[in-house]
Amino acid sequence: MTHPRHALDEVIHAPVRLSIMAALAAAEKADFRFLRDTIEVSDSLLSKHIVILEEAGYVHVEKGFVGKRPRTWLSLTPRGREAFTKYTEVLRQITEGIPRA
């Protein structure tokens, strides 16, 4: 199998997870509510996809408080950043017709 689509990471490939990865790639870390509003999903849907990304080792979840209010911050792990970079490179290969290296 030589078509680059075979190299797409199925964990990232779902639209919501791709949106999460892209948003987190642009920042050091992001607040759960900010991420939810940015990618326009419900709390429950975002939580579901974060669990999948966390289990894959792509996202780090940090819980804490701001004053008395609980907060959740999310960031890409080094493995997640590497996986996202590879994923976007494969997309470029597909969309621009670049031969595989």
PDB file of N, CA and C in Angstrom:
ATOM      1  N   MET A   1       0.847  -1.177   0.000  1.00  0.00           N
ATOM      2  CA  MET A   1       0.000   0.000   0.000  1.00  0.00           C
ATOM      3  C   MET A   1       0.894   1.241   0.000  1.00  0.00           C
ATOM      4  N   THR A   2       0.805   1.998  -1.067  1.00  0.00           N
ATOM      5  CA  THR A   2       1.694   3.140  -1.184  1.00  0.00           C
ATOM      6  C   THR A   2       0.991   4.492  -1.097  1.00  0.00           C
ATOM      7  N   HIS A   3      -0.327   4.508  -1.165  1.00  0.00           N
ATOM      8  CA  HIS A   3      -1.019   5.799  -1.084  1.00  0.00           C
ATOM      9  C   HIS A   3      -0.823   6.379   0.315  1.00  0.00           C
ATOM     10  N   PRO A   4      -0.541   7.688   0.410  1.00  0.00           N
ATOM     11  CA  PRO A   4      -0.278   8.285   1.713  1.00  0.00           C
ATOM     12  C   PRO A   4      -1.439   8.193   2.706  1.00  0.00           C
ATOM     13  N   ARG A   5      -2.660   8.001   2.239  1.00  0.00           N
ATOM     14  CA  ARG A   5      -3.799   7.929   3.171  1.00  0.00           C
ATOM     15  C   ARG A   5      -3.628   6.799   4.183  1.00  0.00           C
ATOM     16  N   HIS A   6      -2.866   5.785   3.830  1.00  0.00           N
ATOM     17  CA  HIS A   6      -2.643   4.668   4.740  1.00  0.00           C
ATOM     18  C   HIS A   6      -1.802   5.080   5.945  1.00  0.00           C
ATOM     19  N   ALA A   7      -1.143   6.218   5.843  1.00  0.00           N
ATOM     20  CA  ALA A   7      -0.305   6.716   6.948  1.00  0.00           C
ATOM     21  C   ALA A   7      -1.059   7.686   7.857  1.00  0.00           C
ATOM     22  N   LEU A   8      -2.328   7.981   7.543  1.00  0.00           N
ATOM     23  CA  LEU A   8      -3.100   8.886   8.402  1.00  0.00           C
ATOM     24  C   LEU A   8      -3.354   8.221   9.752  1.00  0.00           C
ATOM     25  N   ASP A   9      -3.171   8.979  10.801  1.00  0.00           N
ATOM     26  CA  ASP A   9      -3.380   8.497  12.168  1.00  0.00           C
ATOM     27  C   ASP A   9      -4.881   8.477  12.451  1.00  0.00           C
ATOM     28  N   GLU A  10      -5.437   7.296  12.634  1.00  0.00           N
ATOM     29  CA  GLU A  10      -6.881   7.149  12.853  1.00  0.00           C
ATOM     30  C   GLU A  10      -7.342   7.807  14.153  1.00  0.00           C
ATOM     31  N   VAL A  11      -6.458   7.919  15.133  1.00  0.00           N
ATOM     32  CA  VAL A  11      -6.831   8.581  16.387  1.00  0.00           C
ATOM     33  C   VAL A  11      -7.114  10.054  16.126  1.00  0.00           C
ATOM     34  N   ILE A  12      -6.306  10.688  15.318  1.00  0.00           N
ATOM     35  CA  ILE A  12      -6.455  12.116  15.024  1.00  0.00           C
ATOM     36  C   ILE A  12      -7.524  12.357  13.969  1.00  0.00           C
ATOM     37  N   HIS A  13      -7.754  11.414  13.092  1.00  0.00           N
ATOM     38  CA  HIS A  13      -8.538  11.622  11.876  1.00  0.00           C
ATOM     39  C   HIS A  13      -9.996  12.035  12.091  1.00  0.00           C
ATOM     40  N   ALA A  14     -10.599  11.695  13.214  1.00  0.00           N
ATOM     41  CA  ALA A  14     -11.986  12.113  13.474  1.00  0.00           C
ATOM     42  C   ALA A  14     -12.050  13.639  13.527  1.00  0.00           C
ATOM     43  N   PRO A  15     -13.056  14.252  12.914  1.00  0.00           N
ATOM     44  CA  PRO A  15     -13.104  15.721  12.825  1.00  0.00           C
ATOM     45  C   PRO A  15     -12.976  16.456  14.162  1.00  0.00           C
ATOM     46  N   VAL A  16     -13.624  15.978  15.202  1.00  0.00           N
ATOM     47  CA  VAL A  16     -13.526  16.663  16.493  1.00  0.00           C
ATOM     48  C   VAL A  16     -12.115  16.527  17.059  1.00  0.00           C
ATOM     49  N   ARG A  17     -11.530  15.340  16.966  1.00  0.00           N
ATOM     50  CA  ARG A  17     -10.169  15.156  17.485  1.00  0.00           C
ATOM     51  C   ARG A  17      -9.156  15.949  16.668  1.00  0.00           C
ATOM     52  N   LEU A  18      -9.344  16.022  15.370  1.00  0.00           N
ATOM     53  CA  LEU A  18      -8.474  16.848  14.543  1.00  0.00           C
ATOM     54  C   LEU A  18      -8.583  18.309  14.964  1.00  0.00           C
ATOM     55  N   SER A  19      -9.785  18.766  15.237  1.00  0.00           N
ATOM     56  CA  SER A  19      -9.992  20.148  15.680  1.00  0.00           C
ATOM     57  C   SER A  19      -9.322  20.413  17.025  1.00  0.00           C
ATOM     58  N   ILE A  20      -9.417  19.457  17.936  1.00  0.00           N
ATOM     59  CA  ILE A  20      -8.758  19.585  19.242  1.00  0.00           C
ATOM     60  C   ILE A  20      -7.251  19.676  19.058  1.00  0.00           C
ATOM     61  N   MET A  21      -6.702  18.759  18.284  1.00  0.00           N
ATOM     62  CA  MET A  21      -5.255  18.729  18.065  1.00  0.00           C
ATOM     63  C   MET A  21      -4.769  20.024  17.421  1.00  0.00           C
ATOM     64  N   ALA A  22      -5.503  20.522  16.427  1.00  0.00           N
ATOM     65  CA  ALA A  22      -5.104  21.755  15.746  1.00  0.00           C
ATOM     66  C   ALA A  22      -5.137  22.945  16.707  1.00  0.00           C
ATOM     67  N   ALA A  23      -6.178  23.029  17.523  1.00  0.00           N
ATOM     68  CA  ALA A  23      -6.278  24.139  18.473  1.00  0.00           C
ATOM     69  C   ALA A  23      -5.154  24.070  19.505  1.00  0.00           C
ATOM     70  N   LEU A  24      -4.866  22.874  19.988  1.00  0.00           N
ATOM     71  CA  LEU A  24      -3.809  22.746  20.997  1.00  0.00           C
ATOM     72  C   LEU A  24      -2.418  22.922  20.403  1.00  0.00           C
ATOM     73  N   ALA A  25      -2.252  22.609  19.133  1.00  0.00           N
ATOM     74  CA  ALA A  25      -0.948  22.792  18.489  1.00  0.00           C
ATOM     75  C   ALA A  25      -0.568  24.262  18.408  1.00  0.00           C
ATOM     76  N   ALA A  26      -1.573  25.125  18.436  1.00  0.00           N
ATOM     77  CA  ALA A  26      -1.330  26.565  18.314  1.00  0.00           C
ATOM     78  C   ALA A  26      -1.068  27.238  19.657  1.00  0.00           C
ATOM     79  N   ALA A  27      -1.128  26.476  20.739  1.00  0.00           N
ATOM     80  CA  ALA A  27      -0.977  27.074  22.067  1.00  0.00           C
ATOM     81  C   ALA A  27      -0.172  26.152  22.971  1.00  0.00           C
ATOM     82  N   GLU A  28       0.379  26.728  24.028  1.00  0.00           N
ATOM     83  CA  GLU A  28       1.085  25.909  25.016  1.00  0.00           C
ATOM     84  C   GLU A  28       0.082  25.062  25.793  1.00  0.00           C
ATOM     85  N   LYS A  29      -1.036  25.690  26.183  1.00  0.00           N
ATOM     86  CA  LYS A  29      -2.134  24.967  26.812  1.00  0.00           C
ATOM     87  C   LYS A  29      -3.405  25.777  26.645  1.00  0.00           C
ATOM     88  N   ALA A  30      -4.535  25.107  26.802  1.00  0.00           N
ATOM     89  CA  ALA A  30      -5.829  25.776  26.621  1.00  0.00           C
ATOM     90  C   ALA A  30      -6.793  25.318  27.698  1.00  0.00           C
ATOM     91  N   ASP A  31      -7.627  26.217  28.133  1.00  0.00           N
ATOM     92  CA  ASP A  31      -8.682  25.937  29.084  1.00  0.00           C
ATOM     93  C   ASP A  31      -9.783  25.136  28.387  1.00  0.00           C
ATOM     94  N   PHE A  32     -10.375  24.191  29.105  1.00  0.00           N
ATOM     95  CA  PHE A  32     -11.435  23.338  28.562  1.00  0.00           C
ATOM     96  C   PHE A  32     -12.545  24.172  27.934  1.00  0.00           C
ATOM     97  N   ARG A  33     -13.015  25.186  28.661  1.00  0.00           N
ATOM     98  CA  ARG A  33     -14.142  25.990  28.149  1.00  0.00           C
ATOM     99  C   ARG A  33     -13.758  26.746  26.889  1.00  0.00           C
ATOM    100  N   PHE A  34     -12.539  27.277  26.857  1.00  0.00           N
ATOM    101  CA  PHE A  34     -12.065  27.970  25.662  1.00  0.00           C
ATOM    102  C   PHE A  34     -12.045  27.009  24.472  1.00  0.00           C
ATOM    103  N   LEU A  35     -11.512  25.814  24.700  1.00  0.00           N
ATOM    104  CA  LEU A  35     -11.431  24.819  23.629  1.00  0.00           C
ATOM    105  C   LEU A  35     -12.827  24.418  23.159  1.00  0.00           C
ATOM    106  N   ARG A  36     -13.722  24.170  24.098  1.00  0.00           N
ATOM    107  CA  ARG A  36     -15.111  23.802  23.773  1.00  0.00           C
ATOM    108  C   ARG A  36     -15.759  24.867  22.892  1.00  0.00           C
ATOM    109  N   ASP A  37     -15.603  26.132  23.285  1.00  0.00           N
ATOM    110  CA  ASP A  37     -16.214  27.222  22.520  1.00  0.00           C
ATOM    111  C   ASP A  37     -15.536  27.423  21.166  1.00  0.00           C
ATOM    112  N   THR A  38     -14.237  27.222  21.117  1.00  0.00           N
ATOM    113  CA  THR A  38     -13.483  27.405  19.876  1.00  0.00           C
ATOM    114  C   THR A  38     -13.882  26.384  18.820  1.00  0.00           C
ATOM    115  N   ILE A  39     -14.018  25.120  19.236  1.00  0.00           N
ATOM    116  CA  ILE A  39     -14.350  24.090  18.242  1.00  0.00           C
ATOM    117  C   ILE A  39     -15.849  23.785  18.185  1.00  0.00           C
ATOM    118  N   GLU A  40     -16.617  24.498  18.992  1.00  0.00           N
ATOM    119  CA  GLU A  40     -18.083  24.460  18.929  1.00  0.00           C
ATOM    120  C   GLU A  40     -18.667  23.061  19.123  1.00  0.00           C
ATOM    121  N   VAL A  41     -18.351  22.478  20.285  1.00  0.00           N
ATOM    122  CA  VAL A  41     -18.917  21.184  20.661  1.00  0.00           C
ATOM    123  C   VAL A  41     -19.446  21.258  22.091  1.00  0.00           C
ATOM    124  N   SER A  42     -20.201  20.257  22.482  1.00  0.00           N
ATOM    125  CA  SER A  42     -20.720  20.196  23.854  1.00  0.00           C
ATOM    126  C   SER A  42     -19.623  19.730  24.816  1.00  0.00           C
ATOM    127  N   ASP A  43     -19.847  19.969  26.087  1.00  0.00           N
ATOM    128  CA  ASP A  43     -18.915  19.498  27.117  1.00  0.00           C
ATOM    129  C   ASP A  43     -18.712  17.992  27.014  1.00  0.00           C
ATOM    130  N   SER A  44     -19.813  17.259  26.888  1.00  0.00           N
ATOM    131  CA  SER A  44     -19.723  15.799  26.878  1.00  0.00           C
ATOM    132  C   SER A  44     -18.972  15.279  25.651  1.00  0.00           C
ATOM    133  N   LEU A  45     -19.212  15.874  24.494  1.00  0.00           N
ATOM    134  CA  LEU A  45     -18.508  15.430  23.289  1.00  0.00           C
ATOM    135  C   LEU A  45     -17.018  15.744  23.390  1.00  0.00           C
ATOM    136  N   LEU A  46     -16.691  16.939  23.880  1.00  0.00           N
ATOM    137  CA  LEU A  46     -15.289  17.299  24.043  1.00  0.00           C
ATOM    138  C   LEU A  46     -14.619  16.341  25.026  1.00  0.00           C
ATOM    139  N   SER A  47     -15.262  16.071  26.131  1.00  0.00           N
ATOM    140  CA  SER A  47     -14.702  15.158  27.137  1.00  0.00           C
ATOM    141  C   SER A  47     -14.438  13.783  26.549  1.00  0.00           C
ATOM    142  N   LYS A  48     -15.383  13.275  25.787  1.00  0.00           N
ATOM    143  CA  LYS A  48     -15.246  11.948  25.170  1.00  0.00           C
ATOM    144  C   LYS A  48     -14.003  11.886  24.283  1.00  0.00           C
ATOM    145  N   HIS A  49     -13.818  12.899  23.458  1.00  0.00           N
ATOM    146  CA  HIS A  49     -12.683  12.894  22.539  1.00  0.00           C
ATOM    147  C   HIS A  49     -11.365  13.169  23.251  1.00  0.00           C
ATOM    148  N   ILE A  50     -11.408  13.949  24.311  1.00  0.00           N
ATOM    149  CA  ILE A  50     -10.187  14.188  25.088  1.00  0.00           C
ATOM    150  C   ILE A  50      -9.704  12.886  25.715  1.00  0.00           C
ATOM    151  N   VAL A  51     -10.612  12.072  26.217  1.00  0.00           N
ATOM    152  CA  VAL A  51     -10.238  10.786  26.811  1.00  0.00           C
ATOM    153  C   VAL A  51      -9.506   9.926  25.777  1.00  0.00           C
ATOM    154  N   ILE A  52     -10.006   9.883  24.571  1.00  0.00           N
ATOM    155  CA  ILE A  52      -9.369   9.089  23.513  1.00  0.00           C
ATOM    156  C   ILE A  52      -7.964   9.607  23.222  1.00  0.00           C
ATOM    157  N   LEU A  53      -7.824  10.928  23.118  1.00  0.00           N
ATOM    158  CA  LEU A  53      -6.513  11.522  22.843  1.00  0.00           C
ATOM    159  C   LEU A  53      -5.559  11.341  24.018  1.00  0.00           C
ATOM    160  N   GLU A  54      -6.097  11.422  25.231  1.00  0.00           N
ATOM    161  CA  GLU A  54      -5.266  11.226  26.424  1.00  0.00           C
ATOM    162  C   GLU A  54      -4.785   9.780  26.490  1.00  0.00           C
ATOM    163  N   GLU A  55      -5.662   8.827  26.226  1.00  0.00           N
ATOM    164  CA  GLU A  55      -5.285   7.411  26.247  1.00  0.00           C
ATOM    165  C   GLU A  55      -4.242   7.083  25.189  1.00  0.00           C
ATOM    166  N   ALA A  56      -4.261   7.816  24.076  1.00  0.00           N
ATOM    167  CA  ALA A  56      -3.264   7.619  23.019  1.00  0.00           C
ATOM    168  C   ALA A  56      -1.931   8.279  23.371  1.00  0.00           C
ATOM    169  N   GLY A  57      -1.924   9.056  24.454  1.00  0.00           N
ATOM    170  CA  GLY A  57      -0.694   9.744  24.862  1.00  0.00           C
ATOM    171  C   GLY A  57      -0.470  11.048  24.126  1.00  0.00           C
ATOM    172  N   TYR A  58      -1.510  11.577  23.488  1.00  0.00           N
ATOM    173  CA  TYR A  58      -1.375  12.797  22.685  1.00  0.00           C
ATOM    174  C   TYR A  58      -1.708  14.069  23.454  1.00  0.00           C
ATOM    175  N   VAL A  59      -2.538  13.959  24.482  1.00  0.00           N
ATOM    176  CA  VAL A  59      -2.991  15.143  25.219  1.00  0.00           C
ATOM    177  C   VAL A  59      -2.744  14.933  26.704  1.00  0.00           C
ATOM    178  N   HIS A  60      -2.281  15.996  27.346  1.00  0.00           N
ATOM    179  CA  HIS A  60      -2.103  16.010  28.802  1.00  0.00           C
ATOM    180  C   HIS A  60      -3.239  16.825  29.397  1.00  0.00           C
ATOM    181  N   VAL A  61      -3.886  16.279  30.420  1.00  0.00           N
ATOM    182  CA  VAL A  61      -4.989  16.952  31.100  1.00  0.00           C
ATOM    183  C   VAL A  61      -4.516  17.353  32.491  1.00  0.00           C
ATOM    184  N   GLU A  62      -4.676  18.623  32.802  1.00  0.00           N
ATOM    185  CA  GLU A  62      -4.273  19.151  34.109  1.00  0.00           C
ATOM    186  C   GLU A  62      -5.498  19.778  34.766  1.00  0.00           C
ATOM    187  N   LYS A  63      -5.821  19.312  35.958  1.00  0.00           N
ATOM    188  CA  LYS A  63      -6.975  19.844  36.685  1.00  0.00           C
ATOM    189  C   LYS A  63      -6.476  20.664  37.861  1.00  0.00           C
ATOM    190  N   GLY A  64      -7.178  21.742  38.130  1.00  0.00           N
ATOM    191  CA  GLY A  64      -6.813  22.601  39.237  1.00  0.00           C
ATOM    192  C   GLY A  64      -7.944  23.560  39.552  1.00  0.00           C
ATOM    193  N   PHE A  65      -7.615  24.592  40.260  1.00  0.00           N
ATOM    194  CA  PHE A  65      -8.611  25.588  40.662  1.00  0.00           C
ATOM    195  C   PHE A  65      -8.109  26.979  40.355  1.00  0.00           C
ATOM    196  N   VAL A  66      -9.026  27.846  40.001  1.00  0.00           N
ATOM    197  CA  VAL A  66      -8.785  29.278  39.925  1.00  0.00           C
ATOM    198  C   VAL A  66      -9.732  29.861  40.960  1.00  0.00           C
ATOM    199  N   GLY A  67      -9.161  30.289  42.081  1.00  0.00           N
ATOM    200  CA  GLY A  67     -10.002  30.643  43.209  1.00  0.00           C
ATOM    201  C   GLY A  67     -10.673  29.374  43.703  1.00  0.00           C
ATOM    202  N   LYS A  68     -11.975  29.388  43.784  1.00  0.00           N
ATOM    203  CA  LYS A  68     -12.720  28.203  44.219  1.00  0.00           C
ATOM    204  C   LYS A  68     -13.322  27.435  43.049  1.00  0.00           C
ATOM    205  N   ARG A  69     -13.072  27.910  41.848  1.00  0.00           N
ATOM    206  CA  ARG A  69     -13.668  27.274  40.671  1.00  0.00           C
ATOM    207  C   ARG A  69     -12.729  26.233  40.065  1.00  0.00           C
ATOM    208  N   PRO A  70     -13.256  25.027  39.825  1.00  0.00           N
ATOM    209  CA  PRO A  70     -12.424  24.006  39.182  1.00  0.00           C
ATOM    210  C   PRO A  70     -12.157  24.374  37.716  1.00  0.00           C
ATOM    211  N   ARG A  71     -10.959  24.071  37.275  1.00  0.00           N
ATOM    212  CA  ARG A  71     -10.574  24.335  35.885  1.00  0.00           C
ATOM    213  C   ARG A  71      -9.827  23.124  35.337  1.00  0.00           C
ATOM    214  N   THR A  72      -9.927  22.943  34.043  1.00  0.00           N
ATOM    215  CA  THR A  72      -9.196  21.893  33.346  1.00  0.00           C
ATOM    216  C   THR A  72      -8.428  22.546  32.205  1.00  0.00           C
ATOM    217  N   TRP A  73      -7.107  22.272  32.167  1.00  0.00           N
ATOM    218  CA  TRP A  73      -6.267  22.774  31.085  1.00  0.00           C
ATOM    219  C   TRP A  73      -5.768  21.587  30.278  1.00  0.00           C
ATOM    220  N   LEU A  74      -5.646  21.797  29.002  1.00  0.00           N
ATOM    221  CA  LEU A  74      -5.230  20.744  28.084  1.00  0.00           C
ATOM    222  C   LEU A  74      -4.017  21.209  27.301  1.00  0.00           C
ATOM    223  N   SER A  75      -3.128  20.276  27.023  1.00  0.00           N
ATOM    224  CA  SER A  75      -1.963  20.591  26.201  1.00  0.00           C
ATOM    225  C   SER A  75      -1.548  19.345  25.437  1.00  0.00           C
ATOM    226  N   LEU A  76      -0.854  19.561  24.342  1.00  0.00           N
ATOM    227  CA  LEU A  76      -0.313  18.426  23.597  1.00  0.00           C
ATOM    228  C   LEU A  76       0.930  17.918  24.301  1.00  0.00           C
ATOM    229  N   THR A  77       1.086  16.623  24.338  1.00  0.00           N
ATOM    230  CA  THR A  77       2.322  16.019  24.829  1.00  0.00           C
ATOM    231  C   THR A  77       3.342  16.098  23.687  1.00  0.00           C
ATOM    232  N   PRO A  78       4.612  15.877  23.971  1.00  0.00           N
ATOM    233  CA  PRO A  78       5.576  15.807  22.859  1.00  0.00           C
ATOM    234  C   PRO A  78       5.166  14.761  21.816  1.00  0.00           C
ATOM    235  N   ARG A  79       4.661  13.624  22.277  1.00  0.00           N
ATOM    236  CA  ARG A  79       4.196  12.578  21.353  1.00  0.00           C
ATOM    237  C   ARG A  79       3.018  13.084  20.517  1.00  0.00           C
ATOM    238  N   GLY A  80       2.102  13.821  21.146  1.00  0.00           N
ATOM    239  CA  GLY A  80       0.959  14.376  20.439  1.00  0.00           C
ATOM    240  C   GLY A  80       1.368  15.406  19.402  1.00  0.00           C
ATOM    241  N   ARG A  81       2.329  16.249  19.769  1.00  0.00           N
ATOM    242  CA  ARG A  81       2.815  17.263  18.829  1.00  0.00           C
ATOM    243  C   ARG A  81       3.464  16.597  17.620  1.00  0.00           C
ATOM    244  N   GLU A  82       4.248  15.559  17.887  1.00  0.00           N
ATOM    245  CA  GLU A  82       4.902  14.816  16.798  1.00  0.00           C
ATOM    246  C   GLU A  82       3.862  14.132  15.907  1.00  0.00           C
ATOM    247  N   ALA A  83       2.852  13.522  16.517  1.00  0.00           N
ATOM    248  CA  ALA A  83       1.802  12.841  15.749  1.00  0.00           C
ATOM    249  C   ALA A  83       1.024  13.838  14.895  1.00  0.00           C
ATOM    250  N   PHE A  84       0.743  15.019  15.451  1.00  0.00           N
ATOM    251  CA  PHE A  84       0.000  16.029  14.700  1.00  0.00           C
ATOM    252  C   PHE A  84       0.834  16.547  13.526  1.00  0.00           C
ATOM    253  N   THR A  85       2.113  16.755  13.748  1.00  0.00           N
ATOM    254  CA  THR A  85       2.997  17.203  12.663  1.00  0.00           C
ATOM    255  C   THR A  85       3.034  16.169  11.542  1.00  0.00           C
ATOM    256  N   LYS A  86       3.163  14.901  11.907  1.00  0.00           N
ATOM    257  CA  LYS A  86       3.178  13.842  10.897  1.00  0.00           C
ATOM    258  C   LYS A  86       1.843  13.793  10.158  1.00  0.00           C
ATOM    259  N   TYR A  87       0.750  13.918  10.905  1.00  0.00           N
ATOM    260  CA  TYR A  87      -0.582  13.886  10.302  1.00  0.00           C
ATOM    261  C   TYR A  87      -0.732  14.995   9.268  1.00  0.00           C
ATOM    262  N   THR A  88      -0.313  16.211   9.607  1.00  0.00           N
ATOM    263  CA  THR A  88      -0.454  17.331   8.665  1.00  0.00           C
ATOM    264  C   THR A  88       0.471  17.153   7.456  1.00  0.00           C
ATOM    265  N   GLU A  89       1.610  16.525   7.663  1.00  0.00           N
ATOM    266  CA  GLU A  89       2.504  16.245   6.530  1.00  0.00           C
ATOM    267  C   GLU A  89       1.849  15.253   5.566  1.00  0.00           C
ATOM    268  N   VAL A  90       1.183  14.239   6.110  1.00  0.00           N
ATOM    269  CA  VAL A  90       0.502  13.260   5.262  1.00  0.00           C
ATOM    270  C   VAL A  90      -0.649  13.932   4.508  1.00  0.00           C
ATOM    271  N   LEU A  91      -1.389  14.801   5.181  1.00  0.00           N
ATOM    272  CA  LEU A  91      -2.458  15.537   4.485  1.00  0.00           C
ATOM    273  C   LEU A  91      -1.894  16.362   3.333  1.00  0.00           C
ATOM    274  N   ARG A  92      -0.740  16.995   3.565  1.00  0.00           N
ATOM    275  CA  ARG A  92      -0.111  17.761   2.489  1.00  0.00           C
ATOM    276  C   ARG A  92       0.275  16.851   1.319  1.00  0.00           C
ATOM    277  N   GLN A  93       0.789  15.684   1.636  1.00  0.00           N
ATOM    278  CA  GLN A  93       1.142  14.727   0.572  1.00  0.00           C
ATOM    279  C   GLN A  93      -0.080  14.388  -0.266  1.00  0.00           C
ATOM    280  N   ILE A  94      -1.210  14.176   0.416  1.00  0.00           N
ATOM    281  CA  ILE A  94      -2.443  13.818  -0.291  1.00  0.00           C
ATOM    282  C   ILE A  94      -2.970  14.989  -1.102  1.00  0.00           C
ATOM    283  N   THR A  95      -3.056  16.155  -0.500  1.00  0.00           N
ATOM    284  CA  THR A  95      -3.690  17.304  -1.165  1.00  0.00           C
ATOM    285  C   THR A  95      -2.789  17.955  -2.211  1.00  0.00           C
ATOM    286  N   GLU A  96      -1.506  17.838  -2.063  1.00  0.00           N
ATOM    287  CA  GLU A  96      -0.591  18.474  -3.009  1.00  0.00           C
ATOM    288  C   GLU A  96       0.076  17.481  -3.946  1.00  0.00           C
ATOM    289  N   GLY A  97      -0.265  16.212  -3.796  1.00  0.00           N
ATOM    290  CA  GLY A  97       0.292  15.193  -4.685  1.00  0.00           C
ATOM    291  C   GLY A  97       1.788  14.988  -4.518  1.00  0.00           C
ATOM    292  N   ILE A  98       2.264  15.193  -3.292  1.00  0.00           N
ATOM    293  CA  ILE A  98       3.697  15.029  -3.019  1.00  0.00           C
ATOM    294  C   ILE A  98       3.994  13.539  -2.851  1.00  0.00           C
ATOM    295  N   PRO A  99       4.993  13.032  -3.558  1.00  0.00           N
ATOM    296  CA  PRO A  99       5.328  11.612  -3.382  1.00  0.00           C
ATOM    297  C   PRO A  99       5.842  11.337  -1.966  1.00  0.00           C
ATOM    298  N   ARG A 100       5.572  10.121  -1.484  1.00  0.00           N
ATOM    299  CA  ARG A 100       6.062   9.731  -0.149  1.00  0.00           C
ATOM    300  C   ARG A 100       7.560   9.657  -0.151  1.00  0.00           C
ATOM    301  N   ALA A 101       8.131  10.057   0.946  1.00  0.00           N
ATOM    302  CA  ALA A 101       9.602  10.021   1.086  1.00  0.00           C
ATOM    303  C   ALA A 101      10.069   8.624   1.406  1.00  0.00           C
TER     304      ALA A 101
END
